[in-house]
N, C-alpha and C. Protein backbone atom coordinates (compact mmCIF):
# COMPACT_ATOMS: atom_id res chain seq x y z
N MET A 1 36.75 87.68 -39.95
CA MET A 1 35.75 88.08 -39.56
C MET A 1 35.48 86.88 -38.35
N LYS A 2 35.37 87.38 -37.26
CA LYS A 2 35.22 86.40 -36.20
C LYS A 2 33.69 86.05 -35.83
N LEU A 3 33.48 84.58 -35.35
CA LEU A 3 32.18 84.31 -35.35
C LEU A 3 31.31 85.25 -34.47
N ALA A 4 31.93 85.49 -33.63
CA ALA A 4 30.90 86.87 -32.32
C ALA A 4 30.74 87.62 -33.34
N GLU A 5 31.55 88.31 -34.34
CA GLU A 5 31.07 89.60 -35.13
C GLU A 5 29.77 88.94 -36.14
N ALA A 6 29.92 88.02 -36.86
CA ALA A 6 28.90 87.06 -37.72
C ALA A 6 27.72 87.20 -36.92
N LEU A 7 27.56 86.80 -35.51
CA LEU A 7 26.33 86.75 -35.01
C LEU A 7 25.52 88.35 -34.44
N ILE A 8 26.75 88.91 -34.35
CA ILE A 8 26.55 90.36 -34.01
C ILE A 8 25.58 91.04 -35.33
N ALA A 9 26.32 90.52 -36.61
CA ALA A 9 25.91 91.10 -37.83
C ALA A 9 24.53 90.47 -38.33
N ARG A 10 24.20 89.29 -37.79
CA ARG A 10 23.43 88.50 -38.22
C ARG A 10 22.05 89.03 -37.11
N ALA A 11 22.27 89.50 -35.63
CA ALA A 11 21.24 90.25 -35.18
C ALA A 11 20.75 91.11 -35.96
N ASP A 12 21.58 92.28 -36.27
CA ASP A 12 21.70 93.41 -36.86
C ASP A 12 20.48 93.63 -38.25
N CYS A 13 21.18 92.30 -38.60
CA CYS A 13 20.46 91.99 -40.16
C CYS A 13 18.85 91.93 -39.84
N GLN A 14 18.93 90.79 -38.90
CA GLN A 14 17.27 90.56 -38.44
C GLN A 14 16.31 91.93 -37.92
N LYS A 15 17.05 92.37 -37.23
CA LYS A 15 16.44 93.48 -36.52
C LYS A 15 16.02 94.54 -37.86
N ARG A 16 16.96 94.72 -38.50
CA ARG A 16 16.83 95.21 -40.06
C ARG A 16 15.33 95.39 -40.99
N ILE A 17 15.43 94.11 -41.27
CA ILE A 17 14.53 93.15 -41.76
C ILE A 17 13.13 93.29 -41.05
N SER A 18 13.07 92.88 -39.83
CA SER A 18 11.89 93.25 -38.68
C SER A 18 11.46 94.86 -39.17
N GLN A 19 12.23 95.53 -39.20
CA GLN A 19 11.76 97.04 -39.11
C GLN A 19 11.27 97.82 -40.56
N LEU A 20 11.99 96.94 -41.44
CA LEU A 20 11.58 97.17 -42.72
C LEU A 20 9.78 96.69 -42.94
N LYS A 21 10.00 95.12 -42.40
CA LYS A 21 8.44 94.44 -42.67
C LYS A 21 7.48 95.48 -42.04
N GLU A 22 7.74 96.19 -40.73
CA GLU A 22 6.99 97.37 -40.26
C GLU A 22 6.54 98.19 -41.00
N ARG A 23 7.96 98.53 -41.76
CA ARG A 23 7.21 99.95 -42.88
C ARG A 23 6.57 99.30 -44.20
N LEU A 24 6.86 98.22 -44.48
CA LEU A 24 6.01 97.57 -45.67
C LEU A 24 4.50 97.75 -45.04
N ILE A 25 4.34 97.07 -44.05
CA ILE A 25 3.04 96.98 -43.63
C ILE A 25 2.59 98.09 -43.65
N GLU A 26 3.09 99.51 -43.01
CA GLU A 26 2.58 100.30 -43.23
C GLU A 26 2.32 101.40 -44.53
N SER A 27 3.20 100.81 -45.35
CA SER A 27 3.08 101.23 -46.95
C SER A 27 2.05 100.61 -47.43
N ALA A 28 1.60 99.53 -47.44
CA ALA A 28 0.34 98.23 -47.91
C ALA A 28 -0.53 98.97 -48.42
N LYS A 29 -1.24 100.12 -47.79
CA LYS A 29 -2.28 100.54 -48.23
C LYS A 29 -2.61 101.80 -47.97
N VAL A 30 -3.08 102.79 -48.54
CA VAL A 30 -3.15 104.11 -48.29
C VAL A 30 -4.87 104.48 -48.83
N GLN A 31 -4.97 105.45 -48.26
CA GLN A 31 -6.43 106.14 -48.86
C GLN A 31 -6.49 106.35 -50.32
N ASP A 32 -7.38 106.14 -51.18
CA ASP A 32 -7.80 106.42 -52.79
C ASP A 32 -7.27 107.79 -53.00
N GLY A 33 -6.39 108.15 -53.84
CA GLY A 33 -5.73 109.20 -53.81
C GLY A 33 -4.40 109.65 -53.44
N ASP A 34 -3.83 108.93 -52.21
CA ASP A 34 -2.93 109.17 -51.67
C ASP A 34 -1.81 108.45 -52.12
N SER A 35 -0.55 108.79 -51.52
CA SER A 35 0.87 107.90 -52.01
C SER A 35 1.29 107.25 -50.37
N PRO A 36 1.87 106.30 -50.72
CA PRO A 36 2.35 105.33 -49.42
C PRO A 36 3.73 106.07 -48.86
N PRO A 37 3.45 106.19 -47.60
CA PRO A 37 5.03 106.84 -46.87
C PRO A 37 5.79 106.23 -47.42
N GLU A 38 6.34 105.47 -48.13
CA GLU A 38 7.72 105.14 -48.40
C GLU A 38 7.03 104.13 -49.84
N PRO A 39 7.80 104.29 -50.97
CA PRO A 39 7.52 102.99 -51.96
C PRO A 39 7.76 102.04 -51.67
N PRO A 40 6.87 100.87 -51.94
CA PRO A 40 6.91 99.20 -51.36
C PRO A 40 8.12 98.86 -52.16
N GLU A 41 7.99 99.26 -53.32
CA GLU A 41 9.14 98.65 -54.24
C GLU A 41 10.60 98.61 -53.80
N GLN A 42 10.83 99.72 -53.27
CA GLN A 42 12.18 100.15 -52.70
C GLN A 42 12.62 99.39 -51.60
N LEU A 43 11.36 99.40 -50.44
CA LEU A 43 11.32 98.47 -49.19
C LEU A 43 11.51 97.19 -49.59
N PHE A 44 11.11 96.33 -50.45
CA PHE A 44 10.88 95.13 -51.03
C PHE A 44 12.28 94.59 -51.44
N ALA A 45 13.07 95.93 -52.25
CA ALA A 45 14.50 95.48 -52.94
C ALA A 45 15.36 95.60 -51.63
N GLU A 46 15.18 96.49 -50.57
CA GLU A 46 15.90 95.86 -49.66
C GLU A 46 15.99 95.02 -48.74
N VAL A 47 14.51 94.61 -48.47
CA VAL A 47 14.26 93.21 -47.84
C VAL A 47 15.14 92.36 -48.61
N ASN A 48 14.86 91.91 -49.92
CA ASN A 48 15.60 91.04 -50.68
C ASN A 48 17.15 90.97 -50.31
N ARG A 49 17.80 92.37 -50.37
CA ARG A 49 19.00 92.36 -50.21
C ARG A 49 19.45 91.80 -48.74
N LEU A 50 18.87 92.41 -48.10
CA LEU A 50 19.19 91.75 -46.29
C LEU A 50 18.83 90.43 -46.33
N THR A 51 17.70 89.79 -46.78
CA THR A 51 17.46 88.15 -46.37
C THR A 51 18.76 87.74 -47.06
N SER A 52 19.07 87.93 -48.27
CA SER A 52 20.29 87.37 -48.95
C SER A 52 21.30 87.22 -47.96
N GLU A 53 21.72 88.84 -47.34
CA GLU A 53 23.11 88.93 -46.65
C GLU A 53 22.75 87.78 -45.32
N LEU A 54 21.44 87.79 -44.74
CA LEU A 54 21.27 87.25 -43.59
C LEU A 54 21.38 85.60 -44.00
N GLU A 55 21.05 85.29 -45.03
CA GLU A 55 20.81 83.76 -45.39
C GLU A 55 22.41 82.83 -45.60
N ASN A 56 22.99 84.20 -45.96
CA ASN A 56 24.49 83.61 -46.30
C ASN A 56 25.78 83.73 -45.03
N LEU A 57 24.82 84.78 -44.18
CA LEU A 57 26.02 84.88 -42.65
C LEU A 57 25.60 83.59 -42.05
N ILE A 58 23.70 82.94 -41.96
CA ILE A 58 23.42 82.00 -41.02
C ILE A 58 24.16 80.92 -41.78
N ARG A 59 23.90 80.57 -43.17
CA ARG A 59 24.68 79.31 -43.82
C ARG A 59 26.62 79.38 -42.75
N ARG A 60 27.20 80.43 -43.23
CA ARG A 60 28.66 80.33 -42.71
C ARG A 60 28.62 80.09 -41.05
N ILE A 61 27.80 80.54 -40.65
CA ILE A 61 27.70 80.50 -38.83
C ILE A 61 27.49 79.31 -38.57
N ASN A 62 26.46 78.47 -39.17
CA ASN A 62 26.11 77.07 -38.99
C ASN A 62 27.20 76.09 -39.71
N ARG A 63 28.17 76.27 -40.60
CA ARG A 63 29.07 75.53 -40.96
C ARG A 63 30.29 75.54 -40.06
N THR A 64 30.27 77.04 -39.26
CA THR A 64 31.60 77.35 -38.75
C THR A 64 31.33 76.54 -37.36
N ASN A 65 30.28 76.59 -36.55
CA ASN A 65 29.59 75.98 -35.50
C ASN A 65 29.57 74.42 -35.65
N ALA A 66 29.23 73.83 -36.48
CA ALA A 66 29.44 72.62 -37.07
C ALA A 66 31.00 72.19 -36.92
N GLN A 67 31.69 72.85 -37.54
CA GLN A 67 33.33 72.27 -37.82
C GLN A 67 34.23 73.02 -36.82
N THR A 68 33.74 73.58 -35.71
CA THR A 68 34.72 74.27 -34.65
C THR A 68 34.73 73.18 -33.72
N ASN A 69 35.84 72.69 -33.02
CA ASN A 69 35.89 71.83 -32.02
C ASN A 69 35.72 72.30 -31.06
N TYR A 70 34.87 72.41 -29.88
CA TYR A 70 34.87 73.19 -28.57
C TYR A 70 35.35 72.29 -27.54
N ALA A 71 34.89 71.38 -27.65
CA ALA A 71 35.72 70.41 -26.17
C ALA A 71 35.71 69.00 -27.08
N ALA A 72 36.73 68.43 -26.03
CA ALA A 72 37.16 66.80 -26.91
C ALA A 72 35.43 66.15 -26.94
N GLU A 73 35.42 65.94 -28.09
CA GLU A 73 34.49 65.31 -28.92
C GLU A 73 33.27 65.95 -29.06
N CYS A 74 33.22 67.31 -28.82
CA CYS A 74 31.97 67.79 -29.02
C CYS A 74 32.18 69.43 -29.84
N SER A 75 31.65 69.57 -30.85
CA SER A 75 31.61 70.47 -32.00
C SER A 75 30.88 72.01 -30.71
N LEU A 76 30.88 72.98 -31.53
CA LEU A 76 30.43 74.36 -31.14
C LEU A 76 28.48 73.66 -31.19
N SER A 77 28.48 72.99 -32.27
CA SER A 77 27.02 73.33 -32.44
C SER A 77 26.16 72.48 -31.43
N ASP A 78 26.98 71.24 -31.07
CA ASP A 78 26.79 70.20 -29.80
C ASP A 78 26.60 71.44 -28.56
N ALA A 79 27.48 72.13 -28.03
CA ALA A 79 27.50 72.92 -26.88
C ALA A 79 26.48 73.92 -27.20
N LEU A 80 25.93 74.34 -27.93
CA LEU A 80 24.42 74.85 -28.54
C LEU A 80 23.42 74.49 -28.17
N ALA A 81 23.61 73.06 -28.46
CA ALA A 81 22.40 72.32 -28.52
C ALA A 81 22.31 72.23 -26.88
N THR A 82 23.53 72.01 -26.18
CA THR A 82 23.16 71.81 -24.93
C THR A 82 22.83 72.93 -24.36
N ARG A 83 23.52 74.10 -24.42
CA ARG A 83 23.02 75.36 -23.72
C ARG A 83 21.54 75.53 -23.62
N ASP A 84 20.64 75.00 -25.16
CA ASP A 84 19.19 75.09 -25.47
C ASP A 84 18.45 74.45 -24.64
N ILE A 85 18.77 73.21 -24.68
CA ILE A 85 18.00 72.46 -23.51
C ILE A 85 18.61 72.68 -21.94
N LEU A 86 19.22 73.24 -21.80
CA LEU A 86 19.55 73.71 -20.31
C LEU A 86 18.71 74.67 -19.98
N GLN A 87 18.56 75.53 -21.14
CA GLN A 87 17.70 76.76 -20.72
C GLN A 87 16.26 76.54 -21.07
N MET A 88 15.89 75.16 -21.75
CA MET A 88 14.22 74.73 -21.78
C MET A 88 13.87 74.02 -20.57
N ARG A 89 14.98 73.22 -20.02
CA ARG A 89 14.86 72.46 -18.63
C ARG A 89 14.91 73.50 -17.45
N GLN A 90 15.56 74.52 -17.41
CA GLN A 90 15.38 75.80 -16.46
C GLN A 90 14.05 76.39 -16.34
N SER A 91 13.43 76.39 -17.50
CA SER A 91 12.18 77.04 -17.88
C SER A 91 10.98 76.40 -17.51
N ILE A 92 11.09 74.92 -17.63
CA ILE A 92 10.10 73.81 -17.21
C ILE A 92 10.19 73.76 -15.50
N ASN A 93 11.27 73.84 -15.28
CA ASN A 93 11.23 73.67 -13.80
C ASN A 93 10.40 74.87 -13.12
N ARG A 94 11.02 75.98 -13.74
CA ARG A 94 10.07 76.99 -13.07
C ARG A 94 8.85 77.43 -13.03
N GLN A 95 8.64 77.00 -14.25
CA GLN A 95 7.09 77.22 -14.67
C GLN A 95 6.29 76.10 -13.76
N VAL A 96 6.89 75.07 -14.04
CA VAL A 96 6.23 74.12 -12.96
C VAL A 96 6.25 74.30 -11.43
N ALA A 97 7.01 74.58 -10.91
CA ALA A 97 7.12 75.23 -9.46
C ALA A 97 6.32 76.22 -9.35
N ARG A 98 5.84 77.14 -10.33
CA ARG A 98 5.10 78.33 -10.05
C ARG A 98 3.58 78.10 -10.08
N ALA A 99 3.61 77.18 -10.95
CA ALA A 99 1.95 76.64 -11.26
C ALA A 99 1.75 75.40 -9.95
N GLY A 100 2.44 74.97 -8.92
CA GLY A 100 2.52 74.37 -7.83
C GLY A 100 2.23 74.80 -6.82
N VAL A 101 2.56 76.14 -7.03
CA VAL A 101 2.18 77.18 -5.36
C VAL A 101 0.75 77.31 -5.45
N ILE A 102 0.33 76.97 -4.29
CA ILE A 102 -1.10 76.90 -3.90
C ILE A 102 -1.43 78.28 -2.99
N GLU A 103 -2.61 78.79 -3.59
CA GLU A 103 -3.07 80.09 -2.98
C GLU A 103 -4.43 79.65 -2.54
N GLN A 104 -4.77 79.71 -1.19
CA GLN A 104 -5.66 79.22 -0.61
C GLN A 104 -6.57 80.82 -0.87
N ASN A 105 -7.67 80.67 -1.24
CA ASN A 105 -8.80 81.52 -1.48
C ASN A 105 -10.47 80.85 -1.08
N ARG A 106 -9.81 79.99 0.14
CA ARG A 106 -11.48 79.47 0.20
C ARG A 106 -12.11 80.24 1.22
N TYR A 107 -13.51 80.17 0.95
CA TYR A 107 -14.07 81.17 2.01
C TYR A 107 -15.28 80.23 2.76
N SER A 108 -15.29 79.17 2.28
CA SER A 108 -15.99 78.43 3.15
C SER A 108 -15.58 76.72 2.82
N ARG A 109 -16.01 75.81 4.12
CA ARG A 109 -15.24 74.44 3.77
C ARG A 109 -15.80 73.63 2.70
N SER A 110 -16.94 74.28 1.85
CA SER A 110 -17.67 73.22 0.63
C SER A 110 -16.70 73.95 -0.44
N GLU A 111 -15.99 74.69 -0.38
CA GLU A 111 -15.00 75.18 -1.71
C GLU A 111 -13.98 74.14 -1.85
N ILE A 112 -13.80 74.00 -3.05
CA ILE A 112 -12.38 72.81 -3.47
C ILE A 112 -11.23 73.64 -2.72
N ARG A 113 -10.76 72.15 -2.26
CA ARG A 113 -9.18 72.70 -1.68
C ARG A 113 -8.28 72.04 -2.90
N TYR A 114 -6.94 72.71 -3.08
CA TYR A 114 -5.95 72.41 -3.87
C TYR A 114 -4.86 72.13 -3.38
N VAL A 115 -4.25 70.96 -3.88
CA VAL A 115 -2.95 70.56 -3.05
C VAL A 115 -1.69 70.32 -4.26
N SER A 116 -0.88 70.59 -3.61
CA SER A 116 0.70 70.63 -4.38
C SER A 116 0.95 69.40 -4.75
N THR A 117 0.92 68.84 -6.30
CA THR A 117 1.57 67.70 -6.23
C THR A 117 3.37 67.49 -6.69
N VAL A 118 3.86 68.78 -6.55
CA VAL A 118 5.53 68.85 -7.06
C VAL A 118 6.09 69.42 -5.65
N ASP A 119 7.20 69.11 -5.66
CA ASP A 119 7.94 69.53 -4.74
C ASP A 119 8.84 70.87 -5.23
N ILE A 120 8.07 71.95 -4.70
CA ILE A 120 8.72 73.20 -5.11
C ILE A 120 9.76 73.56 -4.49
N ARG A 121 10.54 73.54 -3.60
CA ARG A 121 11.93 73.80 -3.22
C ARG A 121 12.61 72.81 -3.90
N ALA A 122 12.59 71.62 -4.34
CA ALA A 122 13.69 70.92 -5.07
C ALA A 122 13.70 71.22 -6.62
N LEU A 123 12.27 71.49 -7.26
CA LEU A 123 12.05 72.09 -8.46
C LEU A 123 13.13 73.32 -8.95
N LEU A 124 12.38 74.37 -7.91
CA LEU A 124 13.61 75.50 -7.83
C LEU A 124 15.12 75.58 -7.78
N LYS A 125 15.50 74.19 -6.66
CA LYS A 125 17.05 74.11 -6.30
C LYS A 125 17.47 73.76 -7.78
N GLU A 126 16.85 72.75 -8.40
CA GLU A 126 17.18 71.76 -9.67
C GLU A 126 17.56 73.25 -10.50
N ALA A 127 16.14 74.06 -11.01
CA ALA A 127 16.51 75.10 -11.96
C ALA A 127 17.56 75.95 -11.68
N ASP A 128 17.75 76.47 -10.34
CA ASP A 128 18.87 77.29 -10.05
C ASP A 128 20.20 76.53 -10.40
N GLU A 129 20.32 75.19 -10.21
CA GLU A 129 22.00 74.42 -10.93
C GLU A 129 21.63 74.08 -12.38
N ILE A 130 20.70 74.15 -12.80
CA ILE A 130 20.82 74.23 -14.47
C ILE A 130 20.96 75.34 -14.64
N SER A 131 20.61 76.36 -14.08
CA SER A 131 20.80 77.74 -14.84
C SER A 131 22.28 78.59 -14.52
N LYS A 132 23.07 77.68 -13.40
CA LYS A 132 24.12 77.98 -13.33
C LYS A 132 24.98 77.62 -14.27
N ARG A 133 24.75 76.03 -14.59
CA ARG A 133 25.59 75.22 -15.56
C ARG A 133 25.13 76.05 -17.16
N HIS A 134 23.91 76.68 -17.43
CA HIS A 134 23.89 77.22 -18.25
C HIS A 134 24.63 78.63 -18.83
N ARG A 135 24.83 79.38 -17.53
CA ARG A 135 25.79 80.60 -17.31
C ARG A 135 26.91 80.40 -17.66
N GLU A 136 27.28 79.20 -17.24
CA GLU A 136 28.81 78.82 -17.62
C GLU A 136 29.06 78.58 -18.73
N LEU A 137 28.29 77.83 -19.34
CA LEU A 137 28.21 77.10 -20.80
C LEU A 137 28.52 78.30 -21.56
N ASP A 138 27.61 79.45 -21.34
CA ASP A 138 27.36 80.29 -22.39
C ASP A 138 28.45 81.18 -22.16
N ALA A 139 28.83 81.41 -21.12
CA ALA A 139 30.18 82.34 -21.19
C ALA A 139 31.32 81.74 -22.24
N SER A 140 31.11 79.95 -21.47
CA SER A 140 32.46 79.46 -22.63
C SER A 140 32.15 79.62 -23.86
N ILE A 141 30.99 79.58 -24.38
CA ILE A 141 30.54 79.51 -25.64
C ILE A 141 30.92 81.23 -26.39
N GLN A 142 30.74 81.76 -25.52
CA GLN A 142 30.67 83.59 -26.06
C GLN A 142 32.16 83.85 -26.22
N ALA A 143 33.19 82.84 -25.32
CA ALA A 143 34.62 83.45 -25.44
C ALA A 143 35.12 82.73 -26.69
N ALA A 144 34.49 81.40 -26.82
CA ALA A 144 34.70 80.79 -28.06
C ALA A 144 34.57 81.25 -29.45
N ASN A 145 33.30 82.21 -29.11
CA ASN A 145 32.86 82.77 -30.80
C ASN A 145 33.97 84.16 -30.98
N TRP A 146 34.60 84.74 -29.72
CA TRP A 146 35.54 85.86 -29.91
C TRP A 146 36.70 85.62 -30.77
N THR A 147 37.09 84.07 -30.50
CA THR A 147 38.39 83.46 -30.89
C THR A 147 38.35 82.48 -32.24
N THR A 148 37.24 82.32 -32.73
CA THR A 148 36.84 81.19 -33.99
C THR A 148 36.89 82.12 -34.99
N ASP A 149 37.40 82.16 -36.37
CA ASP A 149 37.34 82.64 -37.36
C ASP A 149 36.25 81.89 -37.90
N LEU A 150 35.16 82.72 -38.68
CA LEU A 150 33.83 82.51 -39.58
C LEU A 150 34.57 81.96 -40.80
N LEU A 151 33.98 80.57 -40.89
CA LEU A 151 34.41 80.07 -42.18
C LEU A 151 33.50 80.11 -43.50
N ASP A 152 34.31 80.45 -44.57
CA ASP A 152 33.40 80.61 -45.65
C ASP A 152 32.13 79.36 -46.45
């Protein structure tokens, strides 16, 4: 199994567990004398099976990421950490730029006047550059995922 296939299987497990959780919540209580739409015991059994499968996938994915060389002196785990930080920095820049936009809604001179304390244009330009680096790194990681065998 390739790493990318394991990542797809992990996402599928997570989605199925979430759906089972919703079904369990719906079956958690009923009116006295009624029966639940589905037996909670069966749903819990399926949740337990899927969470065990998910744990196994996560362990194997993490082991593979840590032991796979991505670039010189860099594992796939290192590249993923860099990608996550790029996403975080890009998001922060965009949010701060949005917060710095001044909308003047003053109706008289006595009302409070706001001024921006950040260079919005520079923040957005840097966010665009970070976003480009993020996309390029993500594409490269995705390519590696399809060529890397999942470790046991």
